[in-house]
Amino acid sequence: AIPRGGESLIRAVAERARVPVIKHYKGVCNIYVDDEA
């Protein structure tokens, strides 16, 4: 099973499933600007 949508949908699918689930809960992406950038 593959849920695509908000975090609440993905968690609901993952918690109720008895089949394998491929998921990502959310995208907290980071950018690091280095001193040698």
All heavy atoms as atom14 arrays in JSON, in Angstrom:
{
  "sequence": "AIPRGGESLIRAVAERARVPVIKHYKGVCNIYVDDEA",
  "atom14_mask": [
    [1, 1, 1, 1, 1, 0, 0, 0, 0, 0, 0, 0, 0, 0],
    [1, 1, 1, 1, 1, 1, 1, 1, 0, 0, 0, 0, 0, 0],
    [1, 1, 1, 1, 1, 1, 1, 0, 0, 0, 0, 0, 0, 0],
    [1, 1, 1, 1, 1, 1, 1, 1, 1, 1, 1, 0, 0, 0],
    [1, 1, 1, 1, 0, 0, 0, 0, 0, 0, 0, 0, 0, 0],
    [1, 1, 1, 1, 0, 0, 0, 0, 0, 0, 0, 0, 0, 0],
    [1, 1, 1, 1, 1, 1, 1, 1, 1, 0, 0, 0, 0, 0],
    [1, 1, 1, 1, 1, 1, 0, 0, 0, 0, 0, 0, 0, 0],
    [1, 1, 1, 1, 1, 1, 1, 1, 0, 0, 0, 0, 0, 0],
    [1, 1, 1, 1, 1, 1, 1, 1, 0, 0, 0, 0, 0, 0],
    [1, 1, 1, 1, 1, 1, 1, 1, 1, 1, 1, 0, 0, 0],
    [1, 1, 1, 1, 1, 0, 0, 0, 0, 0, 0, 0, 0, 0],
    [1, 1, 1, 1, 1, 1, 1, 0, 0, 0, 0, 0, 0, 0],
    [1, 1, 1, 1, 1, 0, 0, 0, 0, 0, 0, 0, 0, 0],
    [1, 1, 1, 1, 1, 1, 1, 1, 1, 0, 0, 0, 0, 0],
    [1, 1, 1, 1, 1, 1, 1, 1, 1, 1, 1, 0, 0, 0],
    [1, 1, 1, 1, 1, 0, 0, 0, 0, 0, 0, 0, 0, 0],
    [1, 1, 1, 1, 1, 1, 1, 1, 1, 1, 1, 0, 0, 0],
    [1, 1, 1, 1, 1, 1, 1, 0, 0, 0, 0, 0, 0, 0],
    [1, 1, 1, 1, 1, 1, 1, 0, 0, 0, 0, 0, 0, 0],
    [1, 1, 1, 1, 1, 1, 1, 0, 0, 0, 0, 0, 0, 0],
    [1, 1, 1, 1, 1, 1, 1, 1, 0, 0, 0, 0, 0, 0],
    [1, 1, 1, 1, 1, 1, 1, 1, 1, 0, 0, 0, 0, 0],
    [1, 1, 1, 1, 1, 1, 1, 1, 1, 1, 0, 0, 0, 0],
    [1, 1, 1, 1, 1, 1, 1, 1, 1, 1, 1, 1, 0, 0],
    [1, 1, 1, 1, 1, 1, 1, 1, 1, 0, 0, 0, 0, 0],
    [1, 1, 1, 1, 0, 0, 0, 0, 0, 0, 0, 0, 0, 0],
    [1, 1, 1, 1, 1, 1, 1, 0, 0, 0, 0, 0, 0, 0],
    [1, 1, 1, 1, 1, 1, 0, 0, 0, 0, 0, 0, 0, 0],
    [1, 1, 1, 1, 1, 1, 1, 1, 0, 0, 0, 0, 0, 0],
    [1, 1, 1, 1, 1, 1, 1, 1, 0, 0, 0, 0, 0, 0],
    [1, 1, 1, 1, 1, 1, 1, 1, 1, 1, 1, 1, 0, 0],
    [1, 1, 1, 1, 1, 1, 1, 0, 0, 0, 0, 0, 0, 0],
    [1, 1, 1, 1, 1, 1, 1, 1, 0, 0, 0, 0, 0, 0],
    [1, 1, 1, 1, 1, 1, 1, 1, 0, 0, 0, 0, 0, 0],
    [1, 1, 1, 1, 1, 1, 1, 1, 1, 0, 0, 0, 0, 0],
    [1, 1, 1, 1, 1, 0, 0, 0, 0, 0, 0, 0, 0, 0]
  ],
  "atom14_positions": [
    [[0.85, -1.19, 0.0], [0.0, 0.0, 0.0], [0.89, 1.24, 0.0], [1.91, 1.28, 0.69], [-0.93, 0.01, 1.22], [0.0, 0.0, 0.0], [0.0, 0.0, 0.0], [0.0, 0.0, 0.0], [0.0, 0.0, 0.0], [0.0, 0.0, 0.0], [0.0, 0.0, 0.0], [0.0, 0.0, 0.0], [0.0, 0.0, 0.0], [0.0, 0.0, 0.0]],
    [[0.48, 2.25, -0.77], [1.24, 3.5, -0.85], [0.28, 4.66, -0.62], [-0.55, 4.96, -1.48], [1.94, 3.65, -2.21], [2.85, 2.46, -2.5], [2.74, 4.95, -2.27], [3.47, 2.45, -3.88], [0.0, 0.0, 0.0], [0.0, 0.0, 0.0], [0.0, 0.0, 0.0], [0.0, 0.0, 0.0], [0.0, 0.0, 0.0], [0.0, 0.0, 0.0]],
    [[0.35, 5.32, 0.53], [-0.48, 6.51, 0.75], [0.23, 7.77, 0.26], [1.42, 7.95, 0.51], [-0.65, 6.53, 2.27], [0.58, 5.86, 2.8], [1.06, 4.91, 1.75], [0.0, 0.0, 0.0], [0.0, 0.0, 0.0], [0.0, 0.0, 0.0], [0.0, 0.0, 0.0], [0.0, 0.0, 0.0], [0.0, 0.0, 0.0], [0.0, 0.0, 0.0]],
    [[-0.5, 8.63, -0.44], [0.02, 9.93, -0.87], [-0.93, 11.01, -0.4], [-2.1, 11.02, -0.78], [0.15, 10.01, -2.4], [1.36, 9.32, -2.94], [1.54, 9.56, -4.44], [1.84, 10.95, -4.75], [2.24, 11.37, -5.95], [2.37, 10.5, -6.95], [2.5, 12.64, -6.17], [0.0, 0.0, 0.0], [0.0, 0.0, 0.0], [0.0, 0.0, 0.0]],
    [[-0.45, 11.88, 0.47], [-1.3, 12.94, 0.98], [-0.72, 13.52, 2.25], [0.48, 13.45, 2.5], [0.0, 0.0, 0.0], [0.0, 0.0, 0.0], [0.0, 0.0, 0.0], [0.0, 0.0, 0.0], [0.0, 0.0, 0.0], [0.0, 0.0, 0.0], [0.0, 0.0, 0.0], [0.0, 0.0, 0.0], [0.0, 0.0, 0.0], [0.0, 0.0, 0.0]],
    [[-1.59, 14.07, 3.08], [-1.16, 14.69, 4.32], [-0.7, 13.67, 5.35], [-0.97, 12.47, 5.24], [0.0, 0.0, 0.0], [0.0, 0.0, 0.0], [0.0, 0.0, 0.0], [0.0, 0.0, 0.0], [0.0, 0.0, 0.0], [0.0, 0.0, 0.0], [0.0, 0.0, 0.0], [0.0, 0.0, 0.0], [0.0, 0.0, 0.0], [0.0, 0.0, 0.0]],
    [[-0.02, 14.19, 6.37], [0.53, 13.32, 7.41], [-0.56, 12.51, 8.11], [-0.36, 11.34, 8.44], [1.3, 14.15, 8.43], [2.0, 13.32, 9.48], [2.82, 14.16, 10.45], [2.89, 15.39, 10.27], [3.41, 13.57, 11.37], [0.0, 0.0, 0.0], [0.0, 0.0, 0.0], [0.0, 0.0, 0.0], [0.0, 0.0, 0.0], [0.0, 0.0, 0.0]],
    [[-1.73, 13.09, 8.31], [-2.8, 12.38, 9.01], [-3.27, 11.17, 8.21], [-3.52, 10.1, 8.78], [-3.98, 13.32, 9.29], [-4.52, 13.82, 8.08], [0.0, 0.0, 0.0], [0.0, 0.0, 0.0], [0.0, 0.0, 0.0], [0.0, 0.0, 0.0], [0.0, 0.0, 0.0], [0.0, 0.0, 0.0], [0.0, 0.0, 0.0], [0.0, 0.0, 0.0]],
    [[-3.38, 11.32, 6.88], [-3.77, 10.19, 6.03], [-2.72, 9.08, 6.1], [-3.04, 7.9, 6.27], [-3.95, 10.64, 4.59], [-4.11, 9.5, 3.57], [-5.44, 8.8, 3.75], [-3.96, 10.02, 2.14], [0.0, 0.0, 0.0], [0.0, 0.0, 0.0], [0.0, 0.0, 0.0], [0.0, 0.0, 0.0], [0.0, 0.0, 0.0], [0.0, 0.0, 0.0]],
    [[-1.46, 9.47, 5.98], [-0.38, 8.48, 5.94], [-0.31, 7.72, 7.26], [-0.16, 6.49, 7.29], [0.96, 9.17, 5.61], [0.89, 9.75, 4.19], [2.12, 8.18, 5.72], [2.01, 10.69, 3.84], [0.0, 0.0, 0.0], [0.0, 0.0, 0.0], [0.0, 0.0, 0.0], [0.0, 0.0, 0.0], [0.0, 0.0, 0.0], [0.0, 0.0, 0.0]],
    [[-0.45, 8.43, 8.37], [-0.41, 7.75, 9.67], [-1.62, 6.82, 9.83], [-1.49, 5.72, 10.38], [-0.37, 8.78, 10.8], [0.97, 9.49, 10.91], [1.18, 10.16, 12.24], [2.47, 10.82, 12.29], [3.61, 10.2, 12.57], [3.6, 8.9, 12.83], [4.74, 10.87, 12.59], [0.0, 0.0, 0.0], [0.0, 0.0, 0.0], [0.0, 0.0, 0.0]],
    [[-2.77, 7.25, 9.37], [-3.96, 6.4, 9.48], [-3.78, 5.11, 8.69], [-4.13, 4.02, 9.16], [-5.19, 7.17, 8.98], [0.0, 0.0, 0.0], [0.0, 0.0, 0.0], [0.0, 0.0, 0.0], [0.0, 0.0, 0.0], [0.0, 0.0, 0.0], [0.0, 0.0, 0.0], [0.0, 0.0, 0.0], [0.0, 0.0, 0.0], [0.0, 0.0, 0.0]],
    [[-3.23, 5.22, 7.49], [-2.99, 4.02, 6.67], [-1.96, 3.11, 7.33], [-2.16, 1.9, 7.44], [-2.52, 4.44, 5.25], [-1.99, 3.22, 4.48], [-3.66, 5.1, 4.49], [0.0, 0.0, 0.0], [0.0, 0.0, 0.0], [0.0, 0.0, 0.0], [0.0, 0.0, 0.0], [0.0, 0.0, 0.0], [0.0, 0.0, 0.0], [0.0, 0.0, 0.0]],
    [[-0.86, 3.69, 7.79], [0.2, 2.89, 8.41], [-0.28, 2.17, 9.67], [0.09, 1.03, 9.93], [1.4, 3.77, 8.73], [0.0, 0.0, 0.0], [0.0, 0.0, 0.0], [0.0, 0.0, 0.0], [0.0, 0.0, 0.0], [0.0, 0.0, 0.0], [0.0, 0.0, 0.0], [0.0, 0.0, 0.0], [0.0, 0.0, 0.0], [0.0, 0.0, 0.0]],
    [[-1.13, 2.85, 10.45], [-1.59, 2.27, 11.71], [-2.62, 1.17, 11.51], [-2.71, 0.24, 12.31], [-2.17, 3.38, 12.59], [-1.11, 4.33, 13.16], [-1.69, 5.59, 13.75], [-2.94, 5.7, 13.79], [-0.9, 6.47, 14.16], [0.0, 0.0, 0.0], [0.0, 0.0, 0.0], [0.0, 0.0, 0.0], [0.0, 0.0, 0.0], [0.0, 0.0, 0.0]],
    [[-3.4, 1.24, 10.44], [-4.48, 0.28, 10.24], [-4.09, -0.88, 9.33], [-4.79, -1.89, 9.27], [-5.7, 0.98, 9.65], [-6.39, 1.95, 10.61], [-7.47, 2.73, 9.88], [-8.13, 3.68, 10.76], [-9.35, 3.5, 11.28], [-10.01, 2.38, 11.03], [-9.88, 4.42, 12.05], [0.0, 0.0, 0.0], [0.0, 0.0, 0.0], [0.0, 0.0, 0.0]],
    [[-2.99, -0.75, 8.6], [-2.65, -1.75, 7.58], [-2.06, -3.03, 8.16], [-1.28, -2.99, 9.11], [-1.67, -1.14, 6.58], [0.0, 0.0, 0.0], [0.0, 0.0, 0.0], [0.0, 0.0, 0.0], [0.0, 0.0, 0.0], [0.0, 0.0, 0.0], [0.0, 0.0, 0.0], [0.0, 0.0, 0.0], [0.0, 0.0, 0.0], [0.0, 0.0, 0.0]],
    [[-2.44, -4.14, 7.54], [-1.79, -5.43, 7.8], [-0.95, -5.85, 6.6], [-0.42, -6.96, 6.57], [-2.84, -6.49, 8.12], [-3.59, -6.22, 9.43], [-4.61, -7.28, 9.73], [-3.98, -8.58, 9.95], [-4.66, -9.7, 10.2], [-5.99, -9.66, 10.25], [-4.03, -10.83, 10.39], [0.0, 0.0, 0.0], [0.0, 0.0, 0.0], [0.0, 0.0, 0.0]],
    [[-0.87, -4.98, 5.62], [-0.04, -5.21, 4.44], [1.13, -4.23, 4.5], [1.05, -3.22, 5.2], [-0.85, -5.02, 3.14], [-2.03, -5.97, 3.1], [-1.31, -3.57, 2.98], [0.0, 0.0, 0.0], [0.0, 0.0, 0.0], [0.0, 0.0, 0.0], [0.0, 0.0, 0.0], [0.0, 0.0, 0.0], [0.0, 0.0, 0.0], [0.0, 0.0, 0.0]],
    [[2.22, -4.49, 3.78], [3.34, -3.55, 3.78], [2.93, -2.18, 3.27], [2.14, -2.06, 2.33], [4.36, -4.21, 2.83], [3.99, -5.66, 2.82], [2.51, -5.7, 2.99], [0.0, 0.0, 0.0], [0.0, 0.0, 0.0], [0.0, 0.0, 0.0], [0.0, 0.0, 0.0], [0.0, 0.0, 0.0], [0.0, 0.0, 0.0], [0.0, 0.0, 0.0]],
    [[3.46, -1.13, 3.9], [3.15, 0.25, 3.53], [4.45, 0.99, 3.23], [5.4, 0.94, 4.03], [2.39, 0.99, 4.65], [2.12, 2.43, 4.25], [1.08, 0.27, 4.96], [0.0, 0.0, 0.0], [0.0, 0.0, 0.0], [0.0, 0.0, 0.0], [0.0, 0.0, 0.0], [0.0, 0.0, 0.0], [0.0, 0.0, 0.0], [0.0, 0.0, 0.0]],
    [[4.51, 1.65, 2.1], [5.65, 2.52, 1.77], [5.17, 3.95, 1.96], [4.17, 4.36, 1.37], [6.14, 2.29, 0.33], [6.66, 0.85, 0.18], [7.24, 3.29, -0.02], [7.07, 0.49, -1.23], [0.0, 0.0, 0.0], [0.0, 0.0, 0.0], [0.0, 0.0, 0.0], [0.0, 0.0, 0.0], [0.0, 0.0, 0.0], [0.0, 0.0, 0.0]],
    [[5.9, 4.74, 2.77], [5.32, 6.01, 3.22], [6.39, 7.08, 3.44], [7.58, 6.79, 3.53], [4.58, 5.78, 4.53], [5.47, 5.21, 5.63], [4.67, 4.69, 6.81], [5.57, 4.08, 7.88], [6.28, 2.89, 7.39], [0.0, 0.0, 0.0], [0.0, 0.0, 0.0], [0.0, 0.0, 0.0], [0.0, 0.0, 0.0], [0.0, 0.0, 0.0]],
    [[5.93, 8.31, 3.5], [6.69, 9.38, 4.15], [5.68, 10.28, 4.85], [4.63, 10.62, 4.3], [7.56, 10.15, 3.15], [6.9, 11.3, 2.48], [6.27, 11.19, 1.25], [6.76, 12.59, 2.86], [5.78, 12.37, 0.91], [6.06, 13.23, 1.86], [0.0, 0.0, 0.0], [0.0, 0.0, 0.0], [0.0, 0.0, 0.0], [0.0, 0.0, 0.0]],
    [[5.99, 10.6, 6.09], [5.04, 11.36, 6.88], [5.04, 12.84, 6.53], [4.01, 13.47, 6.4], [5.34, 11.18, 8.38], [5.0, 9.79, 8.86], [5.98, 8.97, 9.41], [3.71, 9.29, 8.75], [5.67, 7.7, 9.87], [3.4, 8.02, 9.19], [4.38, 7.22, 9.75], [4.07, 5.97, 10.18], [0.0, 0.0, 0.0], [0.0, 0.0, 0.0]],
    [[6.2, 13.44, 6.39], [6.25, 14.85, 6.06], [7.62, 15.2, 5.51], [8.57, 14.41, 5.6], [5.92, 15.72, 7.27], [6.82, 15.53, 8.49], [6.32, 16.41, 9.64], [7.18, 16.22, 10.89], [6.71, 17.08, 11.99], [0.0, 0.0, 0.0], [0.0, 0.0, 0.0], [0.0, 0.0, 0.0], [0.0, 0.0, 0.0], [0.0, 0.0, 0.0]],
    [[7.71, 16.4, 4.94], [8.97, 16.85, 4.36], [9.51, 18.07, 5.07], [9.21, 19.19, 4.67], [0.0, 0.0, 0.0], [0.0, 0.0, 0.0], [0.0, 0.0, 0.0], [0.0, 0.0, 0.0], [0.0, 0.0, 0.0], [0.0, 0.0, 0.0], [0.0, 0.0, 0.0], [0.0, 0.0, 0.0], [0.0, 0.0, 0.0], [0.0, 0.0, 0.0]],
    [[10.27, 17.85, 6.14], [10.97, 18.96, 6.79], [12.36, 19.01, 6.17], [13.29, 18.36, 6.64], [11.03, 18.79, 8.31], [11.76, 19.98, 8.94], [9.64, 18.67, 8.9], [0.0, 0.0, 0.0], [0.0, 0.0, 0.0], [0.0, 0.0, 0.0], [0.0, 0.0, 0.0], [0.0, 0.0, 0.0], [0.0, 0.0, 0.0], [0.0, 0.0, 0.0]],
    [[12.48, 19.76, 5.09], [13.73, 19.83, 4.32], [14.6, 20.98, 4.83], [14.09, 22.02, 5.25], [13.42, 20.02, 2.84], [12.35, 18.73, 2.15], [0.0, 0.0, 0.0], [0.0, 0.0, 0.0], [0.0, 0.0, 0.0], [0.0, 0.0, 0.0], [0.0, 0.0, 0.0], [0.0, 0.0, 0.0], [0.0, 0.0, 0.0], [0.0, 0.0, 0.0]],
    [[15.9, 20.77, 4.79], [16.87, 21.73, 5.32], [17.89, 22.12, 4.26], [18.29, 21.27, 3.44], [17.63, 21.1, 6.5], [16.71, 20.65, 7.62], [16.42, 21.39, 8.54], [16.24, 19.41, 7.54], [0.0, 0.0, 0.0], [0.0, 0.0, 0.0], [0.0, 0.0, 0.0], [0.0, 0.0, 0.0], [0.0, 0.0, 0.0], [0.0, 0.0, 0.0]],
    [[18.33, 23.37, 4.31], [19.47, 23.81, 3.5], [20.5, 24.43, 4.43], [20.18, 25.34, 5.21], [19.06, 24.84, 2.43], [18.12, 24.19, 1.4], [20.29, 25.4, 1.73], [17.62, 25.15, 0.33], [0.0, 0.0, 0.0], [0.0, 0.0, 0.0], [0.0, 0.0, 0.0], [0.0, 0.0, 0.0], [0.0, 0.0, 0.0], [0.0, 0.0, 0.0]],
    [[21.72, 23.91, 4.35], [22.84, 24.44, 5.13], [23.74, 25.27, 4.22], [24.27, 24.76, 3.22], [23.64, 23.31, 5.78], [24.97, 23.75, 6.36], [25.04, 24.77, 7.31], [26.17, 23.15, 5.95], [26.26, 25.18, 7.85], [27.39, 23.54, 6.48], [27.43, 24.56, 7.43], [28.64, 24.96, 7.96], [0.0, 0.0, 0.0], [0.0, 0.0, 0.0]],
    [[23.9, 26.56, 4.55], [24.8, 27.43, 3.79], [26.12, 27.49, 4.55], [26.22, 28.07, 5.64], [24.2, 28.83, 3.61], [25.14, 29.71, 2.79], [22.84, 28.73, 2.92], [0.0, 0.0, 0.0], [0.0, 0.0, 0.0], [0.0, 0.0, 0.0], [0.0, 0.0, 0.0], [0.0, 0.0, 0.0], [0.0, 0.0, 0.0], [0.0, 0.0, 0.0]],
    [[27.14, 26.89, 3.97], [28.45, 26.74, 4.6], [29.25, 28.04, 4.51], [28.97, 28.91, 3.67], [29.18, 25.59, 3.89], [30.53, 25.29, 4.48], [30.6, 25.07, 5.71], [31.52, 25.27, 3.72], [0.0, 0.0, 0.0], [0.0, 0.0, 0.0], [0.0, 0.0, 0.0], [0.0, 0.0, 0.0], [0.0, 0.0, 0.0], [0.0, 0.0, 0.0]],
    [[30.29, 28.14, 5.34], [31.13, 29.34, 5.29], [31.96, 29.4, 4.02], [32.54, 30.44, 3.71], [32.03, 29.43, 6.53], [32.97, 28.25, 6.66], [32.49, 27.1, 6.6], [34.19, 28.46, 6.82], [0.0, 0.0, 0.0], [0.0, 0.0, 0.0], [0.0, 0.0, 0.0], [0.0, 0.0, 0.0], [0.0, 0.0, 0.0], [0.0, 0.0, 0.0]],
    [[32.05, 28.28, 3.27], [32.76, 28.28, 1.99], [31.78, 28.17, 0.83], [32.12, 27.64, -0.23], [33.78, 27.15, 1.96], [34.88, 27.32, 3.02], [35.94, 26.24, 2.95], [36.76, 26.27, 1.99], [35.95, 25.36, 3.83], [0.0, 0.0, 0.0], [0.0, 0.0, 0.0], [0.0, 0.0, 0.0], [0.0, 0.0, 0.0], [0.0, 0.0, 0.0]],
    [[30.58, 28.69, 1.02], [29.57, 28.66, -0.04], [29.79, 29.78, -1.04], [30.33, 30.84, -0.7], [28.18, 28.79, 0.57], [0.0, 0.0, 0.0], [0.0, 0.0, 0.0], [0.0, 0.0, 0.0], [0.0, 0.0, 0.0], [0.0, 0.0, 0.0], [0.0, 0.0, 0.0], [0.0, 0.0, 0.0], [0.0, 0.0, 0.0], [0.0, 0.0, 0.0]]
  ]
}
